[in-house]
Amino acid sequence: MILNAFMQYLEFEKRFSPHTLLAYESDLRQLERFLAATFEISDPKDITPMHLRAWMVDLLGNEASPRSVRRKISSVKSWFRFLRKRTEVSHNPAQNLILPKTGKRLPVVVEQKDMQQLFEQVAFGTGFAAERDRTLLELLYQAGLRRSELMLLSVSDIDFSRRALRVSGKGNKERLVPFGTALEERLRQYVRARQAEFPATAETALLLGDGGKRMYPKQIYNIVNQYLSAVTTVEQRSPHVLRHSFATHLSDNGADLNAVKELLGHSSLAATQIYMHNSIERLKQVYLQAHPKAGRRPDNK
């Protein structure tokens, strides 16, 4: 199966991130191997819905989660849409597949009190690395950035006069994210520390590693994981958890859902509504714990 042209399309026209590109290619290569081994198929024209259903059964039989299977089929659908545009196939065999159901999974969130403890009680130390680590955490939590957006952020993307960040999001879409006086002070302090630590650097990235180079994904993950481990017991302690926390805490405190959507850079309101569900679940927990009649069964008559 010819995948190179599709991968180039995703990279250069759709501008997908390296992580997303890797996931697409992994899914399609996995399908390629299954079809070759099971049905001796290598031409996309020969793939039918029956072949894809067999692949789904095989995936589920090997303990792939329904969510993972749905993502893989989504990759296949996108690939066939691409092939149809190029008139290399006449139909999309994945279009009307019945997909396995998934349960609703709410985003993992760090409690507000735990985030407050992180920034008010945890010792970050002194020196450039300490300034950078705290700024990194503040940006993820106060601006709701994705890790990829944080890595791409440049010094010139900070507009102190308007208190806003120019953020390059998915699909190379830009958005302005406002910030308050606390983050303004933090950013000014970090920029001074950056200039003092690397006065002759030509690197444009805002956040720099100890060697003065742009930070890489695993480095950012390790920093977040280290500091969140000091204040929370949630199993996931990744940069994206801070983005979830940003959105959920806004929703908890009455922020308009459309405003949260714009701040996150979501293209659809549907992607943002999960944070409203999260807030409702939390309200239910408070109600069940606090209301004197919430946990009582009605008296028998």
Protein backbone atom coordinates (compact mmCIF):
# COMPACT_ATOMS: atom_id res chain seq x y z
CA MET A 1 0.00 0.00 0.00
CA ILE A 2 1.28 3.44 -0.92
CA LEU A 3 1.36 5.62 2.20
CA ASN A 4 4.21 8.05 1.53
CA ALA A 5 2.10 10.53 -0.43
CA PHE A 6 -0.56 10.51 2.30
CA MET A 7 1.98 11.11 5.04
CA GLN A 8 3.49 14.01 3.08
CA TYR A 9 -0.02 15.45 2.65
CA LEU A 10 -0.63 15.28 6.41
CA GLU A 11 2.75 16.83 7.20
CA PHE A 12 2.95 19.64 4.67
CA GLU A 13 -0.67 20.47 3.82
CA LYS A 14 -2.53 19.57 7.01
CA ARG A 15 0.51 20.51 9.16
CA PHE A 16 -0.05 17.72 11.65
CA SER A 17 2.35 17.44 14.57
CA PRO A 18 5.13 14.80 14.53
CA HIS A 19 3.28 12.89 17.27
CA THR A 20 0.06 12.77 15.20
CA LEU A 21 1.96 11.78 12.06
CA LEU A 22 3.58 8.91 13.92
CA ALA A 23 0.19 7.69 15.17
CA TYR A 24 -1.33 7.77 11.66
CA GLU A 25 1.57 5.91 10.13
CA SER A 26 1.62 3.32 12.92
CA ASP A 27 -2.12 2.65 12.49
CA LEU A 28 -1.90 2.25 8.73
CA ARG A 29 1.23 0.12 8.81
CA GLN A 30 -0.50 -2.14 11.32
CA LEU A 31 -3.45 -2.52 8.93
CA GLU A 32 -1.04 -3.16 6.07
CA ARG A 33 0.61 -6.04 7.94
CA PHE A 34 -2.72 -7.56 8.97
CA LEU A 35 -4.17 -7.53 5.44
CA ALA A 36 -1.01 -8.98 3.92
CA ALA A 37 -0.79 -11.78 6.48
CA THR A 38 -4.51 -12.62 6.69
CA PHE A 39 -5.89 -11.93 3.22
CA GLU A 40 -2.79 -11.45 1.05
CA ILE A 41 -4.05 -7.98 0.12
CA SER A 42 -1.72 -5.10 -0.74
CA ASP A 43 -3.82 -2.92 -3.06
CA PRO A 44 -6.24 -0.43 -1.39
CA LYS A 45 -8.75 -1.08 -4.19
CA ASP A 46 -9.21 -4.62 -2.87
CA ILE A 47 -10.04 -3.60 0.71
CA THR A 48 -13.69 -4.08 1.69
CA PRO A 49 -15.66 -3.37 4.87
CA MET A 50 -15.44 -7.08 5.66
CA HIS A 51 -11.64 -6.88 5.75
CA LEU A 52 -11.75 -3.89 8.10
CA ARG A 53 -14.29 -5.58 10.38
CA ALA A 54 -11.96 -8.57 10.60
CA TRP A 55 -9.14 -6.21 11.57
CA MET A 56 -11.31 -4.64 14.28
CA VAL A 57 -12.17 -8.07 15.70
CA ASP A 58 -8.48 -8.98 15.69
CA LEU A 59 -7.55 -5.75 17.48
CA LEU A 60 -10.21 -6.21 20.16
CA GLY A 61 -9.20 -9.84 20.55
CA ASN A 62 -5.67 -8.69 21.27
CA GLU A 63 -6.96 -6.39 24.04
CA ALA A 64 -6.91 -3.10 22.14
CA SER A 65 -9.34 -0.70 23.81
CA PRO A 66 -12.48 0.42 21.95
CA ARG A 67 -11.12 3.96 22.01
CA SER A 68 -7.89 2.81 20.36
CA VAL A 69 -9.81 0.88 17.68
CA ARG A 70 -11.96 3.93 16.90
CA ARG A 71 -8.84 6.05 16.49
CA LYS A 72 -7.30 3.52 14.12
CA ILE A 73 -10.43 3.40 11.97
CA SER A 74 -10.44 7.20 11.91
CA SER A 75 -6.92 7.06 10.44
CA VAL A 76 -8.14 4.61 7.79
CA LYS A 77 -11.10 6.84 6.92
CA SER A 78 -8.80 9.82 6.43
CA TRP A 79 -6.48 7.77 4.24
CA PHE A 80 -9.32 6.60 1.99
CA ARG A 81 -10.71 10.14 1.69
CA PHE A 82 -7.26 11.13 0.45
CA LEU A 83 -7.19 8.22 -2.03
CA ARG A 84 -10.65 9.10 -3.34
CA LYS A 85 -9.61 12.69 -4.00
CA ARG A 86 -6.73 11.30 -6.05
CA THR A 87 -9.20 8.94 -7.79
CA GLU A 88 -7.09 5.95 -6.76
CA VAL A 89 -10.13 4.23 -5.21
CA SER A 90 -13.85 4.59 -5.89
CA HIS A 91 -15.19 4.09 -2.37
CA ASN A 92 -14.28 4.37 1.31
CA PRO A 93 -14.76 0.93 2.97
CA ALA A 94 -14.38 2.45 6.43
CA GLN A 95 -17.13 5.03 5.99
CA ASN A 96 -20.09 3.13 7.44
CA LEU A 97 -18.39 0.73 9.81
CA ILE A 98 -20.14 0.20 13.15
CA LEU A 99 -17.48 1.08 15.71
CA PRO A 100 -17.12 -0.31 19.26
CA LYS A 101 -18.72 1.85 21.91
CA THR A 102 -16.59 3.65 24.45
CA GLY A 103 -17.54 4.87 27.89
CA LYS A 104 -17.28 8.55 28.66
CA ARG A 105 -13.87 9.38 30.04
CA LEU A 106 -13.57 12.66 31.87
CA PRO A 107 -10.27 14.55 31.71
CA VAL A 108 -7.84 14.04 34.59
CA VAL A 109 -7.66 17.27 36.59
CA VAL A 110 -5.51 18.53 39.46
CA GLU A 111 -7.57 20.09 42.26
CA GLN A 112 -7.48 23.88 42.57
CA LYS A 113 -6.15 23.61 46.11
CA ASP A 114 -3.31 21.40 44.88
CA MET A 115 -2.36 23.88 42.16
CA GLN A 116 -2.40 26.62 44.78
CA GLN A 117 -0.13 24.53 46.96
CA LEU A 118 2.25 23.98 44.05
CA PHE A 119 2.80 27.67 43.42
CA GLU A 120 2.62 28.87 47.01
CA GLN A 121 4.35 26.18 49.05
CA VAL A 122 6.62 24.05 46.84
CA ALA A 123 10.24 25.22 46.80
CA PHE A 124 11.53 25.74 43.27
CA GLY A 125 15.01 26.76 44.39
CA THR A 126 17.14 29.45 42.81
CA GLY A 127 18.95 29.96 39.54
CA PHE A 128 17.91 29.82 35.90
CA ALA A 129 16.50 26.26 35.92
CA ALA A 130 14.22 27.12 38.85
CA GLU A 131 12.96 30.26 37.08
CA ARG A 132 12.35 28.29 33.89
CA ASP A 133 10.57 25.39 35.57
CA ARG A 134 8.16 27.64 37.41
CA THR A 135 7.47 29.69 34.26
CA LEU A 136 6.85 26.50 32.28
CA LEU A 137 4.29 25.29 34.83
CA GLU A 138 2.61 28.70 35.05
CA LEU A 139 2.25 28.90 31.26
CA LEU A 140 0.68 25.45 31.00
CA TYR A 141 -1.76 26.13 33.82
CA GLN A 142 -2.52 29.84 33.39
CA ALA A 143 -2.64 29.86 29.58
CA GLY A 144 -3.87 26.31 28.93
CA LEU A 145 -1.21 25.61 26.32
CA ARG A 146 -0.54 22.29 24.67
CA ARG A 147 3.00 20.99 25.10
CA SER A 148 3.70 21.52 21.38
CA GLU A 149 2.48 25.12 21.65
CA LEU A 150 4.69 25.73 24.65
CA MET A 151 7.74 24.43 22.77
CA LEU A 152 7.05 26.72 19.79
CA LEU A 153 6.55 29.84 21.93
CA SER A 154 9.15 32.54 21.22
CA VAL A 155 10.17 35.56 23.26
CA SER A 156 8.63 37.74 20.53
CA ASP A 157 5.26 35.99 21.02
CA ILE A 158 4.81 37.78 24.35
CA ASP A 159 2.90 41.05 24.01
CA PHE A 160 3.38 42.70 27.38
CA SER A 161 1.49 45.84 26.33
CA ARG A 162 -1.70 43.85 25.70
CA ARG A 163 -0.90 41.06 28.18
CA ALA A 164 -1.39 38.39 25.54
CA LEU A 165 0.50 35.45 24.05
CA ARG A 166 0.54 34.74 20.33
CA VAL A 167 0.16 30.96 20.20
CA SER A 168 0.62 28.71 17.17
CA GLY A 169 -1.84 25.86 17.59
CA LYS A 170 -2.93 22.80 15.65
CA GLY A 171 -2.91 23.22 11.90
CA ASN A 172 -0.64 26.23 12.34
CA LYS A 173 -3.64 28.28 13.49
CA GLU A 174 -2.71 31.31 15.58
CA ARG A 175 -4.67 32.60 18.54
CA LEU A 176 -4.17 35.25 21.19
CA VAL A 177 -4.29 34.04 24.79
CA PRO A 178 -4.61 36.78 27.44
CA PHE A 179 -2.80 36.58 30.75
CA GLY A 180 -3.05 38.40 34.06
CA THR A 181 -0.67 40.46 36.16
CA ALA A 182 0.70 37.43 38.03
CA LEU A 183 1.82 35.71 34.82
CA GLU A 184 3.08 39.01 33.45
CA GLU A 185 5.39 39.40 36.44
CA ARG A 186 6.52 35.79 36.14
CA LEU A 187 7.30 36.16 32.41
CA ARG A 188 9.21 39.42 32.91
CA GLN A 189 11.29 37.81 35.66
CA TYR A 190 12.02 34.77 33.51
CA VAL A 191 12.99 36.81 30.44
CA ARG A 192 15.51 38.71 32.59
CA ALA A 193 16.91 35.41 33.91
CA ARG A 194 17.09 34.02 30.36
CA GLN A 195 19.00 37.06 29.14
CA ALA A 196 21.41 36.86 32.07
CA GLU A 197 22.01 33.11 31.61
CA PHE A 198 22.39 33.17 27.82
CA PRO A 199 23.29 36.77 26.84
CA ALA A 200 24.63 35.86 23.38
CA THR A 201 22.07 33.23 22.37
CA ALA A 202 20.47 33.35 18.92
CA GLU A 203 17.80 30.85 19.97
CA THR A 204 14.33 32.36 19.60
CA ALA A 205 12.47 29.84 21.77
CA LEU A 206 11.19 31.30 25.02
CA LEU A 207 11.90 28.25 27.17
CA LEU A 208 15.47 26.98 27.01
CA GLY A 209 17.11 23.87 28.40
CA ASP A 210 20.19 24.10 30.59
CA GLY A 211 22.40 24.13 27.47
CA GLY A 212 20.57 27.07 25.94
CA LYS A 213 18.70 25.06 23.30
CA ARG A 214 14.97 24.76 22.69
CA MET A 215 13.39 22.30 25.13
CA TYR A 216 12.25 18.88 23.89
CA PRO A 217 8.97 17.07 24.75
CA LYS A 218 10.32 14.52 27.24
CA GLN A 219 12.18 17.25 29.14
CA ILE A 220 8.95 19.21 29.59
CA TYR A 221 7.06 16.09 30.62
CA ASN A 222 9.66 15.21 33.25
CA ILE A 223 9.52 18.68 34.81
CA VAL A 224 5.72 18.63 35.01
CA ASN A 225 5.66 15.10 36.38
CA GLN A 226 8.25 15.96 39.03
CA TYR A 227 6.42 18.97 40.42
CA LEU A 228 2.88 17.56 40.20
CA SER A 229 4.08 14.48 42.09
CA ALA A 230 4.76 16.76 45.03
CA VAL A 231 1.16 17.96 45.33
CA THR A 232 -1.22 15.39 43.83
CA THR A 233 -1.84 11.65 43.66
CA VAL A 234 -3.59 11.64 40.24
CA GLU A 235 -2.15 8.89 38.06
CA GLN A 236 -1.57 11.11 35.03
CA ARG A 237 0.85 13.96 35.69
CA SER A 238 1.53 15.23 32.20
CA PRO A 239 1.54 18.69 30.60
CA HIS A 240 -1.91 17.98 29.15
CA VAL A 241 -3.30 17.46 32.66
CA LEU A 242 -2.45 21.10 33.38
CA ARG A 243 -4.33 22.12 30.22
CA HIS A 244 -7.31 20.06 31.43
CA SER A 245 -7.03 21.71 34.83
CA PHE A 246 -6.93 25.18 33.25
CA ALA A 247 -10.16 24.55 31.33
CA THR A 248 -11.98 22.76 34.15
CA HIS A 249 -11.14 25.39 36.74
CA LEU A 250 -12.38 28.11 34.37
CA SER A 251 -15.63 26.19 33.91
CA ASP A 252 -15.95 25.52 37.65
CA ASN A 253 -15.70 29.23 38.31
CA GLY A 254 -18.39 30.22 35.81
CA ALA A 255 -16.48 30.92 32.59
CA ASP A 256 -18.57 30.96 29.42
CA LEU A 257 -18.05 27.76 27.41
CA ASN A 258 -17.45 29.67 24.17
CA ALA A 259 -14.75 31.70 25.88
CA VAL A 260 -13.07 28.52 27.11
CA LYS A 261 -13.24 27.16 23.55
CA GLU A 262 -11.43 30.21 22.18
CA LEU A 263 -8.79 30.13 24.90
CA LEU A 264 -8.06 26.46 24.22
CA GLY A 265 -7.97 26.93 20.45
CA HIS A 266 -10.64 24.29 19.82
CA SER A 267 -12.22 24.34 16.36
CA SER A 268 -15.49 22.91 17.67
CA LEU A 269 -17.52 23.54 20.80
CA ALA A 270 -18.07 19.78 21.10
CA ALA A 271 -14.42 19.33 22.08
CA THR A 272 -14.84 21.87 24.88
CA GLN A 273 -18.08 20.52 26.35
CA ILE A 274 -16.24 17.72 28.14
CA TYR A 275 -15.04 20.30 30.67
CA MET A 276 -18.63 21.27 31.43
CA HIS A 277 -19.39 17.59 32.07
CA ASN A 278 -16.40 17.49 34.39
CA SER A 279 -17.76 20.46 36.35
CA ILE A 280 -21.20 18.85 36.63
CA GLU A 281 -19.67 15.63 37.95
CA ARG A 282 -17.79 17.60 40.57
CA LEU A 283 -21.00 19.40 41.58
CA LYS A 284 -22.70 16.02 41.96
CA GLN A 285 -19.94 14.86 44.28
CA VAL A 286 -20.27 17.99 46.41
CA TYR A 287 -24.05 17.54 46.56
CA LEU A 288 -23.87 13.88 47.54
CA GLN A 289 -21.31 14.61 50.24
CA ALA A 290 -22.94 17.73 51.67
CA HIS A 291 -26.73 17.47 51.39
CA PRO A 292 -28.31 15.75 54.43
CA LYS A 293 -30.89 13.90 52.31
CA ALA A 294 -28.71 13.10 49.28
CA GLY A 295 -27.60 9.69 50.42
CA ARG A 296 -30.82 8.56 52.13
CA ARG A 297 -33.37 6.21 50.67
CA PRO A 298 -37.01 7.26 50.83
CA ASP A 299 -38.89 5.95 53.86
CA ASN A 300 -41.11 2.94 53.21
CA LYS A 301 -44.80 3.64 53.59
